[in-house]
Protein backbone atom coordinates (compact mmCIF):
# COMPACT_ATOMS: atom_id res chain seq x y z
CA UNK A 1 0.00 0.00 0.00
CA UNK A 2 1.42 3.35 -0.99
CA UNK A 3 2.01 6.15 1.48
CA UNK A 4 -0.62 8.94 1.50
CA UNK A 5 2.26 11.35 1.06
CA UNK A 6 3.55 9.61 -2.07
CA UNK A 7 3.35 11.72 -5.23
CA UNK A 8 0.40 10.91 -7.44
CA UNK A 9 1.07 9.66 -10.92
CA UNK A 10 -0.86 10.78 -13.94
CA UNK A 11 -1.09 9.29 -17.39
CA UNK A 12 1.31 10.90 -19.84
CA UNK A 13 -0.26 13.50 -22.11
CA UNK A 14 -1.17 12.21 -25.55
CA UNK A 15 -0.95 14.32 -28.65
CA UNK A 16 -3.31 13.20 -31.40
CA UNK A 17 -4.17 14.31 -34.89
CA UNK A 18 -7.76 15.25 -35.68
CA UNK A 19 -8.13 12.01 -37.65
CA UNK A 20 -7.11 9.89 -34.68
CA UNK A 21 -9.24 11.94 -32.30
CA UNK A 22 -12.34 11.43 -34.45
CA UNK A 23 -11.70 7.70 -34.76
CA UNK A 24 -11.19 7.38 -31.01
CA UNK A 25 -14.39 9.25 -30.25
CA UNK A 26 -16.42 7.06 -32.60
CA UNK A 27 -14.90 3.91 -31.14
CA UNK A 28 -15.60 4.93 -27.56
CA UNK A 29 -19.19 5.78 -28.37
CA UNK A 30 -19.68 2.50 -30.24
CA UNK A 31 -18.52 0.69 -27.11
CA UNK A 32 -20.89 2.70 -24.95
CA UNK A 33 -23.96 2.54 -27.20
CA UNK A 34 -24.83 -0.50 -29.32
CA UNK A 35 -27.09 1.67 -31.51
CA UNK A 36 -24.09 3.52 -32.99
CA UNK A 37 -22.84 2.32 -36.39
CA UNK A 38 -20.74 3.76 -39.21
CA UNK A 39 -21.46 3.79 -42.95
CA UNK A 40 -19.74 5.18 -46.02
CA UNK A 41 -17.34 4.66 -48.88
CA UNK A 42 -13.99 3.11 -47.93
CA UNK A 43 -14.61 3.54 -44.21
CA UNK A 44 -14.27 -0.12 -43.20
CA UNK A 45 -11.19 -1.96 -44.50
CA UNK A 46 -9.38 1.25 -45.54
CA UNK A 47 -10.35 3.10 -42.35
CA UNK A 48 -11.59 6.14 -44.25
CA UNK A 49 -9.73 8.13 -46.89
CA UNK A 50 -9.10 10.78 -44.23
CA UNK A 51 -8.49 8.38 -41.32
CA UNK A 52 -11.77 8.96 -39.48
CA UNK A 53 -12.59 5.27 -38.94
CA UNK A 54 -9.16 3.66 -38.63
CA UNK A 55 -9.26 0.41 -36.66
CA UNK A 56 -13.02 0.32 -36.17
CA UNK A 57 -13.71 -2.60 -38.53
CA UNK A 58 -11.35 -4.92 -36.63
CA UNK A 59 -12.94 -3.96 -33.34
CA UNK A 60 -16.64 -3.90 -34.22
CA UNK A 61 -17.01 -5.97 -37.38
CA UNK A 62 -18.80 -5.41 -40.69
CA UNK A 63 -22.30 -5.22 -39.18
CA UNK A 64 -21.49 -1.94 -37.45
CA UNK A 65 -18.76 -0.62 -39.76
CA UNK A 66 -20.19 -0.82 -43.26
CA UNK A 67 -18.53 -0.08 -46.57
CA UNK A 68 -21.21 1.10 -48.97
CA UNK A 69 -21.59 1.26 -52.75
CA UNK A 70 -20.71 4.53 -54.45
CA UNK A 71 -24.19 5.98 -54.03
CA UNK A 72 -24.39 8.84 -51.56
CA UNK A 73 -28.13 9.12 -52.10
CA UNK A 74 -28.58 5.49 -51.04
CA UNK A 75 -26.43 5.31 -47.94
CA UNK A 76 -27.27 8.75 -46.57
CA UNK A 77 -30.95 8.05 -47.17
CA UNK A 78 -30.50 4.72 -45.36
CA UNK A 79 -28.79 6.49 -42.44
CA UNK A 80 -31.73 8.87 -42.14
CA UNK A 81 -34.12 5.94 -41.94
CA UNK A 82 -31.94 4.17 -39.38
CA UNK A 83 -31.94 7.33 -37.23
CA UNK A 84 -35.74 7.53 -37.41
CA UNK A 85 -35.90 3.90 -36.26
CA UNK A 86 -33.79 4.54 -33.16
CA UNK A 87 -30.24 3.90 -34.34
CA UNK A 88 -27.44 6.48 -34.20
CA UNK A 89 -25.69 6.26 -37.56
CA UNK A 90 -22.47 8.07 -38.43
CA UNK A 91 -22.22 8.42 -42.18
CA UNK A 92 -19.28 9.84 -44.13
CA UNK A 93 -19.69 11.95 -47.25
CA UNK A 94 -16.12 11.65 -48.49
CA UNK A 95 -15.98 15.17 -49.97
CA UNK A 96 -18.50 17.89 -49.13
CA UNK A 97 -18.61 18.68 -52.86
CA UNK A 98 -20.65 15.48 -53.36
CA UNK A 99 -23.60 16.92 -51.44
CA UNK A 100 -25.49 17.66 -54.65
CA UNK A 101 -26.43 14.05 -55.32
CA UNK A 102 -27.81 13.46 -51.81
CA UNK A 103 -29.17 16.84 -50.70
CA UNK A 104 -32.75 15.61 -50.69
CA UNK A 105 -31.87 13.01 -48.06
CA UNK A 106 -29.90 15.54 -46.02
CA UNK A 107 -32.29 18.43 -46.05
CA UNK A 108 -35.79 17.30 -46.99
CA UNK A 109 -35.53 14.19 -44.82
CA UNK A 110 -32.92 14.40 -42.04
CA UNK A 111 -33.13 18.11 -41.25
CA UNK A 112 -36.93 18.34 -41.33
CA UNK A 113 -37.85 14.99 -39.77
CA UNK A 114 -38.28 16.31 -36.23
CA UNK A 115 -40.23 19.39 -37.34
CA UNK A 116 -42.57 17.51 -39.66
CA UNK A 117 -43.38 14.96 -36.96
CA UNK A 118 -44.07 17.52 -34.26
CA UNK A 119 -41.05 16.31 -32.34
CA UNK A 120 -42.16 12.68 -32.30
CA UNK A 121 -39.40 11.44 -34.64
CA UNK A 122 -35.86 12.72 -34.15
CA UNK A 123 -32.84 12.21 -36.38
CA UNK A 124 -29.72 11.48 -34.29
CA UNK A 125 -27.41 11.20 -37.27
CA UNK A 126 -23.87 12.50 -37.81
CA UNK A 127 -22.84 13.38 -41.35
CA UNK A 128 -19.08 13.84 -41.37
CA UNK A 129 -17.35 15.24 -44.43
CA UNK A 130 -14.04 16.69 -45.61
CA UNK A 131 -13.71 20.30 -46.74
CA UNK A 132 -11.03 22.62 -48.05
CA UNK A 133 -8.77 23.34 -50.99
CA UNK A 134 -5.11 23.89 -51.67
CA UNK A 135 -4.36 20.48 -53.18
CA UNK A 136 -5.02 21.00 -56.89
CA UNK A 137 -8.20 18.95 -56.72
CA UNK A 138 -10.25 21.51 -58.65
CA UNK A 139 -13.87 22.46 -58.17
CA UNK A 140 -15.15 18.92 -57.57
CA UNK A 141 -13.12 18.20 -54.39
CA UNK A 142 -12.00 21.53 -52.89
CA UNK A 143 -14.94 23.53 -51.55
CA UNK A 144 -15.92 24.15 -47.94
CA UNK A 145 -19.63 25.06 -48.33
CA UNK A 146 -20.08 26.00 -44.68
CA UNK A 147 -22.82 28.51 -45.40
CA UNK A 148 -24.72 26.06 -47.62
CA UNK A 149 -25.41 23.83 -44.61
CA UNK A 150 -25.50 26.54 -41.95
CA UNK A 151 -28.32 28.22 -43.88
CA UNK A 152 -30.65 25.21 -43.54
CA UNK A 153 -32.88 24.99 -40.45
CA UNK A 154 -32.78 21.68 -38.64
CA UNK A 155 -29.07 21.00 -39.12
CA UNK A 156 -26.32 21.54 -36.58
CA UNK A 157 -23.01 22.34 -38.28
CA UNK A 158 -19.60 22.19 -36.58
CA UNK A 159 -15.94 22.22 -37.64
CA UNK A 160 -13.03 21.59 -35.24
CA UNK A 161 -9.74 23.45 -35.49
CA UNK A 162 -7.81 21.00 -33.28
CA UNK A 163 -7.80 17.40 -32.12
CA UNK A 164 -9.05 18.09 -28.58
CA UNK A 165 -12.17 19.77 -29.90
CA UNK A 166 -12.59 17.15 -32.63
CA UNK A 167 -13.02 14.34 -30.12
CA UNK A 168 -15.31 16.31 -27.81
CA UNK A 169 -17.42 17.60 -30.69
CA UNK A 170 -17.80 14.13 -32.18
CA UNK A 171 -18.94 12.65 -28.87
CA UNK A 172 -21.44 15.48 -28.44
CA UNK A 173 -22.61 15.13 -32.05
CA UNK A 174 -23.29 11.40 -31.78
CA UNK A 175 -25.35 11.92 -28.61
CA UNK A 176 -27.35 14.85 -29.99
CA UNK A 177 -30.93 14.10 -31.14
CA UNK A 178 -30.50 16.37 -34.17
CA UNK A 179 -28.65 15.71 -37.43
CA UNK A 180 -25.13 17.13 -37.10
CA UNK A 181 -22.94 18.00 -40.09
CA UNK A 182 -19.40 17.44 -38.81
CA UNK A 183 -16.89 19.07 -41.17
CA UNK A 184 -13.14 18.47 -40.98
CA UNK A 185 -10.59 20.44 -42.99
CA UNK A 186 -8.06 18.42 -44.98
CA UNK A 187 -5.20 20.73 -43.97
CA UNK A 188 -5.81 19.96 -40.29
CA UNK A 189 -6.61 16.26 -40.47
CA UNK A 190 -3.15 14.84 -39.78
CA UNK A 191 -2.85 12.63 -42.84
CA UNK A 192 0.76 12.56 -43.98
CA UNK A 193 0.00 12.87 -47.67
CA UNK A 194 -2.01 16.06 -47.08
CA UNK A 195 0.36 17.97 -44.83
CA UNK A 196 -0.98 19.29 -41.54
CA UNK A 197 -0.95 22.53 -39.58
CA UNK A 198 0.99 21.37 -36.53
CA UNK A 199 -1.04 23.51 -34.14
CA UNK A 200 -4.05 21.29 -34.83
CA UNK A 201 -2.26 18.33 -33.20
CA UNK A 202 -3.07 18.72 -29.53
CA UNK A 203 -3.29 16.89 -26.23
CA UNK A 204 -6.42 14.75 -26.13
CA UNK A 205 -7.70 13.03 -22.97
CA UNK A 206 -8.44 9.35 -23.31
CA UNK A 207 -11.48 9.85 -21.13
CA UNK A 208 -15.04 10.77 -22.03
CA UNK A 209 -15.72 14.49 -22.49
CA UNK A 210 -17.84 16.67 -24.74
CA UNK A 211 -17.30 20.04 -26.39
CA UNK A 212 -20.54 22.04 -26.75
CA UNK A 213 -21.98 22.16 -30.26
CA UNK A 214 -23.06 25.79 -29.88
CA UNK A 215 -20.20 27.70 -28.25
CA UNK A 216 -17.34 29.68 -29.80
CA UNK A 217 -13.94 29.98 -28.13
CA UNK A 218 -11.53 32.84 -27.62
CA UNK A 219 -8.20 31.23 -28.52
CA UNK A 220 -6.09 34.39 -28.24
CA UNK A 221 -6.99 37.49 -26.26
CA UNK A 222 -6.43 40.98 -27.64
CA UNK A 223 -7.63 44.56 -27.40
CA UNK A 224 -7.29 46.27 -30.80
CA UNK A 225 -8.99 43.98 -33.31
CA UNK A 226 -11.21 40.87 -33.38
CA UNK A 227 -10.33 38.15 -35.90
CA UNK A 228 -13.04 35.51 -36.36
CA UNK A 229 -12.30 32.21 -38.06
CA UNK A 230 -13.35 28.58 -38.32
CA UNK A 231 -11.40 25.43 -39.08
CA UNK A 232 -8.24 26.29 -41.01
CA UNK A 233 -8.85 30.03 -40.91
CA UNK A 234 -8.48 29.96 -37.10
CA UNK A 235 -4.84 28.99 -37.61
CA UNK A 236 -4.38 31.58 -40.32
CA UNK A 237 -5.79 34.18 -37.93
CA UNK A 238 -3.44 33.03 -35.15
CA UNK A 239 -0.46 33.30 -37.50
CA UNK A 240 -1.60 36.76 -38.53
CA UNK A 241 -2.04 37.79 -34.89
CA UNK A 242 1.59 36.84 -34.21
CA UNK A 243 2.77 39.03 -37.07
CA UNK A 244 0.51 41.90 -36.02
CA UNK A 245 1.86 41.73 -32.48
CA UNK A 246 5.27 42.60 -33.87
CA UNK A 247 3.73 45.84 -35.15
CA UNK A 248 2.14 46.60 -31.80
CA UNK A 249 -1.38 45.47 -32.78
CA UNK A 250 -3.16 43.29 -30.24
CA UNK A 251 -5.53 40.94 -32.08
CA UNK A 252 -8.14 38.77 -30.39
CA UNK A 253 -8.85 35.50 -32.22
CA UNK A 254 -12.18 33.66 -32.03
CA UNK A 255 -12.71 30.06 -33.12
CA UNK A 256 -16.39 29.80 -34.08
CA UNK A 257 -16.40 25.98 -33.61
CA UNK A 258 -20.10 25.93 -34.48
CA UNK A 259 -21.69 27.48 -37.56
CA UNK A 260 -25.22 26.45 -36.62
CA UNK A 261 -26.11 27.40 -33.98
CA UNK A 262 -23.89 30.45 -34.30
CA UNK A 263 -22.52 31.89 -31.05
CA UNK A 264 -23.13 35.52 -31.85
CA UNK A 265 -22.72 36.75 -28.27
CA UNK A 266 -19.09 35.69 -27.94
CA UNK A 267 -18.28 37.61 -31.13
CA UNK A 268 -20.27 40.66 -30.04
CA UNK A 269 -18.61 40.75 -26.63
CA UNK A 270 -15.19 40.70 -28.25
CA UNK A 271 -16.01 43.45 -30.74
CA UNK A 272 -17.46 45.63 -27.99
CA UNK A 273 -13.99 45.47 -26.46
CA UNK A 274 -11.84 45.88 -29.58
CA UNK A 275 -14.07 48.04 -31.78
CA UNK A 276 -12.84 46.31 -34.94
CA UNK A 277 -13.94 43.13 -36.72
CA UNK A 278 -12.33 41.05 -39.46
CA UNK A 279 -14.01 37.75 -40.40
CA UNK A 280 -11.95 35.10 -42.21
CA UNK A 281 -13.67 32.31 -44.13
CA UNK A 282 -12.46 29.96 -46.89
CA UNK A 283 -16.02 29.46 -48.14
CA UNK A 284 -17.41 31.64 -50.92
CA UNK A 285 -17.63 35.36 -50.20
CA UNK A 286 -21.26 36.16 -50.99
CA UNK A 287 -23.97 35.18 -48.49
CA UNK A 288 -21.34 33.50 -46.33
CA UNK A 289 -20.37 33.05 -42.69
CA UNK A 290 -18.31 36.25 -42.75
CA UNK A 291 -21.33 38.29 -43.83
CA UNK A 292 -23.43 36.71 -41.09
CA UNK A 293 -20.82 37.51 -38.46
CA UNK A 294 -20.64 41.14 -39.58
CA UNK A 295 -24.45 41.43 -39.68
CA UNK A 296 -24.69 40.02 -36.15
CA UNK A 297 -22.38 42.74 -34.85
CA UNK A 298 -23.92 45.59 -36.82
CA UNK A 299 -27.47 44.62 -35.88
CA UNK A 300 -26.47 44.81 -32.21
CA UNK A 301 -25.61 48.49 -32.66
CA UNK A 302 -22.02 48.06 -31.49
CA UNK A 303 -19.86 51.15 -31.97
CA UNK A 304 -16.99 50.37 -34.34
CA UNK A 305 -13.72 52.20 -34.81
CA UNK A 306 -13.43 51.10 -38.46
CA UNK A 307 -15.71 49.45 -41.00
CA UNK A 308 -15.92 45.66 -40.52
CA UNK A 309 -14.13 43.58 -43.15
CA UNK A 310 -14.20 40.00 -44.42
CA UNK A 311 -11.75 37.79 -46.24
CA UNK A 312 -13.17 34.82 -48.12
CA UNK A 313 -12.89 32.79 -51.28
CA UNK A 314 -14.05 34.76 -54.33
CA UNK A 315 -17.27 33.78 -56.07
CA UNK A 316 -15.64 31.52 -58.67
CA UNK A 317 -15.22 27.75 -58.98
CA UNK A 318 -12.03 26.54 -57.31
CA UNK A 319 -9.24 26.65 -59.94
CA UNK A 320 -7.33 23.47 -60.75
CA UNK A 321 -4.02 25.21 -61.42
CA UNK A 322 -2.09 25.43 -58.11
CA UNK A 323 -0.81 28.97 -58.75
CA UNK A 324 -4.33 30.25 -59.37
CA UNK A 325 -5.85 28.27 -56.50
CA UNK A 326 -3.38 29.53 -53.89
CA UNK A 327 -3.70 33.07 -55.22
CA UNK A 328 -7.38 33.17 -54.27
CA UNK A 329 -7.30 31.18 -51.02
CA UNK A 330 -7.30 33.14 -47.74
CA UNK A 331 -3.97 33.22 -45.89
CA UNK A 332 -2.25 34.95 -43.00
CA UNK A 333 -0.62 37.61 -45.19
CA UNK A 334 -4.03 38.70 -46.52
CA UNK A 335 -5.32 38.93 -42.95
CA UNK A 336 -2.34 41.02 -41.86
CA UNK A 337 -2.77 43.42 -44.79
CA UNK A 338 -6.47 43.89 -44.11
CA UNK A 339 -5.89 44.34 -40.38
CA UNK A 340 -3.16 46.91 -40.91
CA UNK A 341 -5.46 48.89 -43.18
CA UNK A 342 -8.19 48.79 -40.52
CA UNK A 343 -5.72 50.18 -37.96
CA UNK A 344 -4.84 53.20 -40.12
CA UNK A 345 -6.38 56.51 -39.03
CA UNK A 346 -8.04 56.93 -42.45
CA UNK A 347 -9.96 53.66 -41.90
CA UNK A 348 -11.68 55.21 -38.92
CA UNK A 349 -13.16 58.13 -40.86
């Protein structure tokens, strides 16, 4: 028997990629709840093109980890029916760009099921999907489409910027009675062939925990300017904030985490303090998350020291040519330039 004065030992901290964190969360929830199963293309034997289901087939077998035919309409429609019948399916849409062939199942069925039934039939389904460009995959495999899903009532929409949040968000998403669109950015996923922003690889507890599906986070405090991002653009904003600090500009960085519901109050509280707002989004510019963030602040009547700005992907299909694609993608340098302009006295007129 150890002495009561002996030092306590703790498990060593584990650093995981987002891919491993998602897979761990799904596995833990499958152990806890027999109603949880996984469906999609290449998610069983391969473990998912983006590593989201690695190891699950060996542990749970083909009844609960199901490779499907290449028919998004069929397997997402099936997942919606399984959710209505009391199961908790997790279904992977390999690329968010493929949403067009299965949008009826996502929106007219999954998102509206609870409303149409007067709350009698819920849809506890997780639709996880990859987003993001920068890989020369052209307009069929490179979009983010955050606003497309955030615009639709009945869907919860989240995107983690780091592995800790990825696990907690996935556990919360599986347990939620609503359909949750769980987006993960390729540049943060931790797959060697994609390259990964190292900041997204974080300490992840092996225990059970949840991250709220409706709460933004302040990931860097500041006093001169509020930078709002989601997914990859959180890291671009953090890199920009470091550069701005060298010029004496204190930038606060907010990770939205959730697109729907949108945590408007955290953003408003920050902008009340800083008086300046720059929203960064790698989705299309028009009718996007950045516009919604700016509208939320302006509608609250918050006094601003300069006009709010947004950086986003222009309203064009994603180019295939790498030089053209990277030219139009948001990055830290674009954020710094916009922020410096907002800090100029002329921007306050």
